[in-house]
Amino acid sequence: MYLLLKLRLNYILIPLLVIITGSAASYFAQTGKGWYNTLNLPNWTPANSTMVFVWAGIFLLGSISVLIIWNKYSRQRNFGVIMGLFILNAMINVGWNILFFGHQQLGLAFFQAILLFSNLMLLIVLIWKFCPPAASLLFPYSIWVLFSTILTLNVWLIN
């Protein structure tokens, strides 16, 4: 019981929200799996197992970044904006899966990917000003989103 009292609620809620976000994105990806398998894909498209592994790592690093900011920097001037951008990022991320897999809108998914990358860059810049380690945890995510944006464009163009 003492451990539960000492444990902050955000150590449960933040990872739970990240898991919900990842699960929602995965759900929409699975709904379009049959359609996705009919697409012409660039030969440099990663295997699905690679994508799952990468996204799991990205979500883990993102959770740690949010936890650092929430627990150590909640008094920062831009704290509310940063938390809002994290929430928006999750919504854009799931939205990309809805557009790409759910609605098969490759062009809109490409522009959604650009929006996701822009949101992420803004997050990194804002966080870097007061906590470079928390911002650095988002670098793998930014590299993957940039790669995914280029992949989305290529899939759109060849289909």
Protein backbone atom coordinates (compact mmCIF):
# COMPACT_ATOMS: atom_id res chain seq x y z
CA MET A 1 0.00 0.00 0.00
CA TYR A 2 2.85 2.38 0.84
CA LEU A 3 4.29 1.80 -2.63
CA LEU A 4 0.97 2.76 -4.23
CA LEU A 5 0.82 5.96 -2.19
CA LYS A 6 4.39 6.84 -3.12
CA LEU A 7 3.80 6.09 -6.81
CA ARG A 8 2.47 9.09 -8.66
CA LEU A 9 -0.70 8.58 -10.65
CA ASN A 10 0.94 9.98 -13.79
CA TYR A 11 3.34 7.01 -13.85
CA ILE A 12 0.27 4.91 -14.63
CA LEU A 13 -1.89 7.33 -16.63
CA ILE A 14 0.72 8.63 -19.09
CA PRO A 15 1.91 5.17 -20.21
CA LEU A 16 -1.73 4.04 -20.30
CA LEU A 17 -2.62 6.92 -22.64
CA VAL A 18 0.38 6.07 -24.82
CA ILE A 19 -0.73 2.42 -24.96
CA ILE A 20 -4.26 3.51 -25.89
CA THR A 21 -2.83 5.73 -28.66
CA GLY A 22 -0.68 2.90 -29.99
CA SER A 23 -3.57 0.46 -29.79
CA ALA A 24 -5.89 2.82 -31.68
CA ALA A 25 -3.28 3.35 -34.40
CA SER A 26 -2.71 -0.40 -34.61
CA TYR A 27 -6.45 -1.07 -34.82
CA PHE A 28 -6.86 1.17 -37.85
CA ALA A 29 -3.73 -0.29 -39.44
CA GLN A 30 -5.20 -3.79 -39.05
CA THR A 31 -8.54 -2.76 -40.57
CA GLY A 32 -6.79 -1.81 -43.80
CA LYS A 33 -4.36 -4.72 -43.88
CA GLY A 34 -6.04 -6.50 -46.81
CA TRP A 35 -6.10 -3.33 -48.88
CA TYR A 36 -2.50 -2.47 -47.91
CA ASN A 37 -1.32 -5.86 -49.19
CA THR A 38 -2.64 -4.96 -52.67
CA LEU A 39 -0.57 -1.76 -52.93
CA ASN A 40 2.58 -1.31 -54.93
CA LEU A 41 5.24 -0.59 -52.31
CA PRO A 42 8.80 0.68 -52.74
CA ASN A 43 11.34 -2.11 -52.32
CA TRP A 44 12.75 -0.27 -49.28
CA THR A 45 9.47 -0.57 -47.35
CA PRO A 46 10.21 -2.10 -43.93
CA ALA A 47 8.57 -5.36 -42.94
CA ASN A 48 5.51 -5.10 -40.70
CA SER A 49 7.43 -6.75 -37.85
CA THR A 50 10.08 -4.02 -38.12
CA MET A 51 7.42 -1.31 -37.99
CA VAL A 52 5.84 -2.84 -34.87
CA PHE A 53 9.23 -3.02 -33.14
CA VAL A 54 10.16 0.55 -34.08
CA TRP A 55 6.80 1.97 -32.98
CA ALA A 56 7.01 0.15 -29.64
CA GLY A 57 10.39 1.77 -28.99
CA ILE A 58 9.15 5.17 -30.11
CA PHE A 59 6.13 5.00 -27.80
CA LEU A 60 8.34 3.92 -24.89
CA LEU A 61 10.76 6.82 -25.44
CA GLY A 62 7.86 9.25 -25.87
CA SER A 63 6.33 8.09 -22.58
CA ILE A 64 9.62 8.66 -20.77
CA SER A 65 9.90 12.14 -22.31
CA VAL A 66 6.40 13.10 -21.19
CA LEU A 67 7.02 11.70 -17.70
CA ILE A 68 10.23 13.72 -17.33
CA ILE A 69 8.51 16.91 -18.38
CA TRP A 70 5.40 16.25 -16.29
CA ASN A 71 7.33 15.42 -13.12
CA LYS A 72 10.21 17.90 -13.30
CA TYR A 73 9.09 20.80 -15.46
CA SER A 74 5.38 21.35 -14.86
CA ARG A 75 6.12 24.93 -13.79
CA GLN A 76 7.71 25.84 -17.13
CA ARG A 77 6.07 28.70 -18.97
CA ASN A 78 5.14 26.55 -21.98
CA PHE A 79 4.16 23.42 -20.02
CA GLY A 80 0.47 23.61 -21.02
CA VAL A 81 1.37 24.21 -24.66
CA ILE A 82 3.79 21.29 -24.66
CA MET A 83 1.24 18.93 -23.10
CA GLY A 84 -1.34 20.13 -25.63
CA LEU A 85 1.13 19.44 -28.45
CA PHE A 86 1.74 15.92 -27.11
CA ILE A 87 -2.02 15.28 -27.11
CA LEU A 88 -2.33 16.77 -30.59
CA ASN A 89 0.57 14.59 -31.71
CA ALA A 90 -1.24 11.47 -30.53
CA MET A 91 -4.39 12.55 -32.37
CA ILE A 92 -2.49 13.28 -35.59
CA ASN A 93 -0.70 9.94 -35.29
CA VAL A 94 -3.95 8.00 -35.00
CA GLY A 95 -5.48 10.23 -37.68
CA TRP A 96 -2.77 9.22 -40.13
CA ASN A 97 -3.71 5.57 -39.63
CA ILE A 98 -7.38 6.39 -40.17
CA LEU A 99 -6.63 8.27 -43.39
CA PHE A 100 -4.10 5.81 -44.76
CA PHE A 101 -5.52 2.45 -43.75
CA GLY A 102 -9.13 3.21 -42.89
CA HIS A 103 -10.03 5.52 -45.76
CA GLN A 104 -7.23 4.65 -48.21
CA GLN A 105 -6.55 8.36 -48.74
CA LEU A 106 -2.85 8.28 -49.55
CA GLY A 107 -2.57 11.95 -50.49
CA LEU A 108 -4.33 13.15 -47.35
CA ALA A 109 -2.23 10.74 -45.29
CA PHE A 110 0.91 12.29 -46.78
CA PHE A 111 -0.18 15.78 -45.72
CA GLN A 112 -1.15 14.40 -42.31
CA ALA A 113 2.38 12.98 -42.04
CA ILE A 114 3.81 16.44 -42.77
CA LEU A 115 1.57 17.83 -40.02
CA LEU A 116 2.79 15.11 -37.64
CA PHE A 117 6.42 15.87 -38.42
CA SER A 118 5.85 19.61 -37.96
CA ASN A 119 4.13 19.05 -34.63
CA LEU A 120 7.00 16.85 -33.51
CA MET A 121 9.66 19.39 -34.53
CA LEU A 122 7.83 22.10 -32.59
CA LEU A 123 7.70 19.82 -29.54
CA ILE A 124 11.43 19.12 -29.75
CA VAL A 125 12.30 22.81 -30.08
CA LEU A 126 10.09 23.85 -27.16
CA ILE A 127 11.32 21.06 -24.89
CA TRP A 128 14.98 21.51 -25.84
CA LYS A 129 14.96 25.00 -24.31
CA PHE A 130 14.64 23.61 -20.78
CA CYS A 131 15.33 19.86 -20.98
CA PRO A 132 17.54 18.60 -23.81
CA PRO A 133 17.47 14.98 -22.55
CA ALA A 134 13.65 14.84 -22.77
CA ALA A 135 13.78 16.42 -26.23
CA SER A 136 16.50 13.96 -27.32
CA LEU A 137 14.21 11.05 -26.49
CA LEU A 138 11.99 12.28 -29.35
CA PHE A 139 14.78 12.19 -31.97
CA PRO A 140 14.17 8.55 -33.00
CA TYR A 141 10.48 9.40 -33.41
CA SER A 142 11.32 12.39 -35.61
CA ILE A 143 13.63 10.31 -37.81
CA TRP A 144 10.99 7.58 -38.16
CA VAL A 145 8.22 10.09 -38.96
CA LEU A 146 10.41 11.72 -41.59
CA PHE A 147 11.13 8.29 -43.10
CA SER A 148 7.41 7.40 -42.92
CA THR A 149 6.47 10.68 -44.58
CA ILE A 150 8.82 9.97 -47.49
CA LEU A 151 7.48 6.40 -47.68
CA THR A 152 3.88 7.65 -47.68
CA LEU A 153 4.68 10.04 -50.53
CA ASN A 154 6.27 7.24 -52.53
CA VAL A 155 3.36 4.89 -51.95
CA TRP A 156 0.96 7.63 -53.01
CA LEU A 157 2.93 8.39 -56.17
CA ILE A 158 3.25 4.78 -57.35
CA ASN A 159 -0.35 3.88 -56.65
